Protein backbone atom coordinates (compact mmCIF):
# COMPACT_ATOMS: atom_id res chain seq x y z
CA MET A 1 -66.25 -36.78 -16.22
CA GLY A 2 -66.44 -35.18 -12.76
CA ILE A 3 -64.00 -32.96 -10.98
CA ASN A 4 -61.99 -34.62 -8.22
CA VAL A 5 -62.38 -32.31 -5.23
CA VAL A 6 -60.02 -32.83 -2.31
CA PRO A 7 -61.76 -31.78 0.92
CA ILE A 8 -59.91 -29.42 3.23
CA VAL A 9 -59.27 -31.44 6.35
CA TYR A 10 -56.51 -29.38 8.02
CA SER A 11 -55.56 -25.72 7.84
CA ASP A 12 -52.89 -23.59 9.47
CA ILE A 13 -51.23 -20.20 9.05
CA TYR A 14 -48.39 -20.51 6.56
CA HIS A 15 -45.04 -20.38 8.39
CA GLY A 16 -43.68 -17.53 6.24
CA TRP A 17 -46.45 -15.14 7.37
CA THR A 18 -46.85 -14.08 3.75
CA VAL A 19 -49.84 -12.32 2.23
CA ASP A 20 -52.17 -14.09 -0.19
CA ASN A 21 -53.64 -12.61 -3.42
CA GLN A 22 -56.49 -10.91 -1.53
CA GLY A 23 -54.17 -9.21 0.99
CA GLY A 24 -54.91 -11.66 3.82
CA ILE A 25 -52.56 -13.95 5.72
CA ARG A 26 -51.65 -16.99 3.62
CA ILE A 27 -53.18 -20.24 4.86
CA SER A 28 -51.80 -23.75 4.31
CA TYR A 29 -54.17 -26.68 3.83
CA ASN A 30 -54.02 -30.43 4.43
CA VAL A 31 -50.45 -31.82 4.08
CA ASP A 32 -49.01 -28.30 3.74
CA ALA A 33 -50.73 -27.32 6.99
CA VAL A 34 -49.22 -30.28 8.82
CA ALA A 35 -45.78 -29.55 7.33
CA THR A 36 -46.15 -25.93 8.50
CA SER A 37 -46.93 -27.19 11.99
CA VAL A 38 -43.84 -29.42 12.00
CA PHE A 39 -41.75 -26.49 10.77
CA ASN A 40 -43.11 -24.29 13.58
CA ILE A 41 -42.37 -26.91 16.23
CA LEU A 42 -38.79 -27.29 14.96
CA SER A 43 -38.06 -23.58 14.61
CA ILE A 44 -39.53 -22.20 17.84
CA ALA A 45 -37.59 -22.06 21.10
CA LYS A 46 -39.31 -22.72 24.40
CA GLY A 47 -40.53 -19.43 25.87
CA GLU A 48 -40.73 -17.75 22.46
CA TYR A 49 -44.48 -18.33 22.14
CA MET A 50 -46.00 -16.07 24.80
CA PHE A 51 -49.22 -18.02 25.42
CA LEU A 52 -47.61 -21.47 25.18
CA PRO A 53 -44.18 -21.07 26.83
CA GLN A 54 -43.45 -24.82 26.66
CA PHE A 55 -44.13 -24.98 22.88
CA GLY A 56 -41.26 -25.78 20.51
CA ALA A 57 -38.40 -28.21 20.08
CA ASN A 58 -35.84 -25.66 21.31
CA LEU A 59 -33.24 -26.82 18.78
CA ARG A 60 -31.13 -23.69 19.21
CA GLY A 61 -30.45 -24.92 22.73
CA TYR A 62 -28.21 -27.59 21.21
CA LEU A 63 -26.23 -25.15 19.09
CA PHE A 64 -22.95 -25.26 21.05
CA GLU A 65 -23.17 -28.90 22.13
CA ASN A 66 -20.55 -31.32 20.85
CA ILE A 67 -22.81 -33.56 18.81
CA GLY A 68 -21.72 -37.08 19.57
CA GLU A 69 -23.91 -40.17 19.74
CA GLU A 70 -25.44 -39.31 23.14
CA VAL A 71 -26.34 -35.72 22.20
CA ALA A 72 -27.62 -36.82 18.77
CA SER A 73 -29.84 -39.37 20.50
CA ARG A 74 -31.19 -36.68 22.86
CA ILE A 75 -31.92 -34.34 19.95
CA THR A 76 -33.75 -36.96 17.89
CA LYS A 77 -35.79 -38.10 20.91
CA ASN A 78 -36.61 -34.49 21.76
CA ILE A 79 -37.80 -33.78 18.21
CA THR A 80 -39.95 -36.92 18.13
CA ASN A 81 -41.44 -36.16 21.56
CA GLU A 82 -42.17 -32.50 20.81
CA ILE A 83 -43.84 -33.19 17.44
CA THR A 84 -45.91 -35.99 18.98
CA LYS A 85 -46.85 -33.77 21.93
CA TRP A 86 -47.88 -30.71 19.91
CA ASP A 87 -49.42 -32.14 16.74
CA PRO A 88 -51.57 -35.27 16.94
CA ARG A 89 -52.01 -35.23 13.13
CA VAL A 90 -48.38 -36.33 12.64
CA ASN A 91 -46.82 -39.79 12.73
CA VAL A 92 -43.06 -39.37 13.06
CA VAL A 93 -41.42 -42.10 10.99
CA SER A 94 -37.77 -41.19 11.61
CA VAL A 95 -35.47 -38.35 12.60
CA VAL A 96 -31.99 -38.18 11.09
CA LEU A 97 -29.40 -35.76 12.43
CA GLN A 98 -26.44 -34.70 10.28
CA PRO A 99 -23.86 -32.49 12.05
CA VAL A 100 -21.66 -30.22 9.93
CA LEU A 101 -17.99 -30.85 10.71
CA ASN A 102 -16.02 -27.90 12.11
CA ALA A 103 -19.12 -25.73 12.36
CA HIS A 104 -21.72 -25.01 14.99
CA GLU A 105 -24.61 -26.27 12.92
CA ALA A 106 -26.42 -29.43 12.01
CA TYR A 107 -29.28 -30.51 9.78
CA VAL A 108 -32.24 -32.54 10.92
CA ALA A 109 -34.43 -34.50 8.50
CA VAL A 110 -37.81 -35.42 9.94
CA ASN A 111 -39.67 -38.07 7.96
CA PHE A 112 -43.34 -38.12 8.81
CA SER A 113 -46.77 -39.09 7.60
CA VAL A 114 -50.09 -37.42 8.12
CA LYS A 115 -52.51 -39.61 10.03
CA GLY A 116 -54.86 -41.28 7.60
CA SER A 117 -52.35 -41.15 4.72
CA PRO A 118 -49.66 -43.71 3.84
CA GLN A 119 -47.46 -41.13 2.08
CA ILE A 120 -44.16 -40.15 3.77
CA PHE A 121 -43.02 -36.51 3.77
CA GLN A 122 -39.75 -34.94 4.83
CA MET A 123 -39.02 -31.66 6.61
CA ILE A 124 -35.39 -30.53 6.85
CA ALA A 125 -34.43 -28.05 9.56
CA GLN A 126 -31.11 -26.39 10.23
CA ILE A 127 -29.78 -26.03 13.75
CA ASN A 128 -27.65 -22.89 13.77
């Protein structure tokens, strides 16, 4: 009986910038690496990344918008476009926006797959 070894295909710095057991920066691999990338795209505002000023979905820019159908459509298209633009490993399946009534916040659920895999994953981000 052999050991099933999963090859490391993708890697990325873990979004929490935490330290691993050896005192180094924690690294995410494979699906976790892609999920970290999606998280980074959703949580970074344009201009925040010094060497890539156009990077990020800029979700905080929608914070004080009245989220009706037209704005919700713009947000979901923006998220899909930004993820597709910045991470070619990701297939965006759907983006669902859920505003919180009487509050300046919303939740976004991004359903995605990693190219080469049929499995669907979900990343939830808060706009606040």
